[in-house]
Every structure is written in C-alpha cells, then in structure tokens.
Amino acid sequence: MRIHIEYVGTLQNVDVKNKSFINIDENSTIEDLLTFIKIKKMHQRFIIPFINGEKVYIKEHIKNNDKVSLFLPVGGG
C-alpha cells in the first residue's frame, strides 16, 4: 500500500526523503513503519506519530493513502 510520510528535520533517516510517498506492506502499524525506515527500536518510543492529523499510538494500523507524520518532543529551558 502507498502512504505519504513526513517527519521533522531532526529525525535522522537516510532511506526515506521527507514528504515523500512510500510503499509498505498491507496491515502495517506505525511500529512496522518505523522499523521499515530504520528507526532504532530504542528510539521509537520517543516518536509521536500522527495519521491524517490525528495523534495515534505506535500499534495503530496504517491504511492505504494515509498521511503519516512523525514528530519528536522538544524540550528546553
């Protein structure tokens, strides 16, 4: 299935360009997507995923033509 993926610039990924369309397996979850784009398991827990603008959990299933956005929390002081 085909999805649109976007992520913040600080998310390091050399395999998938930001704001691009990719093909992933049917019935994939956000967790599957993160593994597919080579985000280390230990870093996956810090990512805040959205599907079509709605915040979701890492176990949420992705559907064909979904827009998946990945964000990292930002802190400072």
C-alpha atoms as a PDB file:
ATOM      1  CA  MET A   1       0.000   0.000   0.000  1.00  0.00           C
ATOM      2  CA  ARG A   2       1.104   3.563  -0.586  1.00  0.00           C
ATOM      3  CA  ILE A   3       1.358   6.199   2.145  1.00  0.00           C
ATOM      4  CA  HIS A   4       2.636   9.760   2.422  1.00  0.00           C
ATOM      5  CA  ILE A   5       5.263  10.277   5.136  1.00  0.00           C
ATOM      6  CA  GLU A   6       6.519  13.487   6.728  1.00  0.00           C
ATOM      7  CA  TYR A   7       8.833  13.987   9.658  1.00  0.00           C
ATOM      8  CA  VAL A   8      10.617  16.769  11.491  1.00  0.00           C
ATOM      9  CA  GLY A   9      14.089  17.667  10.281  1.00  0.00           C
ATOM     10  CA  THR A  10      15.773  16.349  13.413  1.00  0.00           C
ATOM     11  CA  LEU A  11      14.564  12.836  12.701  1.00  0.00           C
ATOM     12  CA  GLN A  12      17.605  11.186  11.152  1.00  0.00           C
ATOM     13  CA  ASN A  13      16.761   8.954   8.239  1.00  0.00           C
ATOM     14  CA  VAL A  14      18.774   8.422   5.089  1.00  0.00           C
ATOM     15  CA  ASP A  15      16.493   5.880   3.377  1.00  0.00           C
ATOM     16  CA  VAL A  16      13.273   7.896   3.038  1.00  0.00           C
ATOM     17  CA  LYS A  17      13.009  11.514   1.941  1.00  0.00           C
ATOM     18  CA  ASN A  18      10.796  13.817   3.954  1.00  0.00           C
ATOM     19  CA  LYS A  19       7.354  14.487   2.436  1.00  0.00           C
ATOM     20  CA  SER A  20       7.541  11.535   0.091  1.00  0.00           C
ATOM     21  CA  PHE A  21       5.325   8.616  -0.849  1.00  0.00           C
ATOM     22  CA  ILE A  22       6.455   5.110   0.061  1.00  0.00           C
ATOM     23  CA  ASN A  23       5.084   1.609  -0.324  1.00  0.00           C
ATOM     24  CA  ILE A  24       4.728  -0.569   2.757  1.00  0.00           C
ATOM     25  CA  ASP A  25       3.079  -3.913   3.461  1.00  0.00           C
ATOM     26  CA  GLU A  26      -0.671  -4.133   3.922  1.00  0.00           C
ATOM     27  CA  ASN A  27      -1.823  -4.176   7.551  1.00  0.00           C
ATOM     28  CA  SER A  28       1.346  -2.381   8.747  1.00  0.00           C
ATOM     29  CA  THR A  29       1.403  -0.451  12.015  1.00  0.00           C
ATOM     30  CA  ILE A  30       3.295   2.709  12.893  1.00  0.00           C
ATOM     31  CA  GLU A  31       5.814   0.462  14.644  1.00  0.00           C
ATOM     32  CA  ASP A  32       6.280  -1.527  11.421  1.00  0.00           C
ATOM     33  CA  LEU A  33       6.779   1.724   9.511  1.00  0.00           C
ATOM     34  CA  LEU A  34       9.414   2.962  11.974  1.00  0.00           C
ATOM     35  CA  THR A  35      11.294  -0.314  11.615  1.00  0.00           C
ATOM     36  CA  PHE A  36      10.939  -0.152   7.821  1.00  0.00           C
ATOM     37  CA  ILE A  37      12.521   3.315   7.713  1.00  0.00           C
ATOM     38  CA  LYS A  38      15.279   2.098  10.029  1.00  0.00           C
ATOM     39  CA  ILE A  39      14.444   3.947  13.249  1.00  0.00           C
ATOM     40  CA  LYS A  40      16.157   2.001  16.032  1.00  0.00           C
ATOM     41  CA  LYS A  41      13.818   0.259  18.495  1.00  0.00           C
ATOM     42  CA  MET A  42      15.368   2.191  21.378  1.00  0.00           C
ATOM     43  CA  HIS A  43      14.467   5.493  19.670  1.00  0.00           C
ATOM     44  CA  GLN A  44      10.958   4.538  18.538  1.00  0.00           C
ATOM     45  CA  ARG A  45       9.430   5.244  21.946  1.00  0.00           C
ATOM     46  CA  PHE A  46      10.295   8.939  21.635  1.00  0.00           C
ATOM     47  CA  ILE A  47       8.468   9.483  18.347  1.00  0.00           C
ATOM     48  CA  ILE A  48       4.985  10.995  18.379  1.00  0.00           C
ATOM     49  CA  PRO A  49       3.025   9.643  15.380  1.00  0.00           C
ATOM     50  CA  PHE A  50       0.033  11.189  13.638  1.00  0.00           C
ATOM     51  CA  ILE A  51      -2.161   9.643  10.954  1.00  0.00           C
ATOM     52  CA  ASN A  52      -4.110  12.134   8.842  1.00  0.00           C
ATOM     53  CA  GLY A  53      -3.559  14.816  11.502  1.00  0.00           C
ATOM     54  CA  GLU A  54      -4.730  12.704  14.448  1.00  0.00           C
ATOM     55  CA  LYS A  55      -2.328  11.617  17.186  1.00  0.00           C
ATOM     56  CA  VAL A  56      -2.142   7.813  17.377  1.00  0.00           C
ATOM     57  CA  TYR A  57      -0.327   5.062  19.247  1.00  0.00           C
ATOM     58  CA  ILE A  58       2.615   3.120  17.837  1.00  0.00           C
ATOM     59  CA  LYS A  59       0.424  -0.004  17.431  1.00  0.00           C
ATOM     60  CA  GLU A  60      -2.101   1.841  15.228  1.00  0.00           C
ATOM     61  CA  HIS A  61      -2.633   0.337  11.767  1.00  0.00           C
ATOM     62  CA  ILE A  62      -1.952   2.404   8.674  1.00  0.00           C
ATOM     63  CA  LYS A  63      -4.310   2.342   5.687  1.00  0.00           C
ATOM     64  CA  ASN A  64      -3.658   2.920   2.006  1.00  0.00           C
ATOM     65  CA  ASN A  65      -3.206   6.640   1.154  1.00  0.00           C
ATOM     66  CA  ASP A  66      -2.811   7.682   4.816  1.00  0.00           C
ATOM     67  CA  LYS A  67      -0.609  10.654   5.616  1.00  0.00           C
ATOM     68  CA  VAL A  68       1.762   9.707   8.437  1.00  0.00           C
ATOM     69  CA  SER A  69       3.590  12.481  10.302  1.00  0.00           C
ATOM     70  CA  LEU A  70       6.365  11.728  12.782  1.00  0.00           C
ATOM     71  CA  PHE A  71       7.466  14.215  15.432  1.00  0.00           C
ATOM     72  CA  LEU A  72       9.987  14.294  18.244  1.00  0.00           C
ATOM     73  CA  PRO A  73       9.203  16.075  21.507  1.00  0.00           C
ATOM     74  CA  VAL A  74      11.211  19.249  22.034  1.00  0.00           C
ATOM     75  CA  GLY A  75      12.361  20.494  25.381  1.00  0.00           C
ATOM     76  CA  GLY A  76      14.400  23.345  26.622  1.00  0.00           C
ATOM     77  CA  GLY A  77      14.739  25.819  29.333  1.00  0.00           C
END
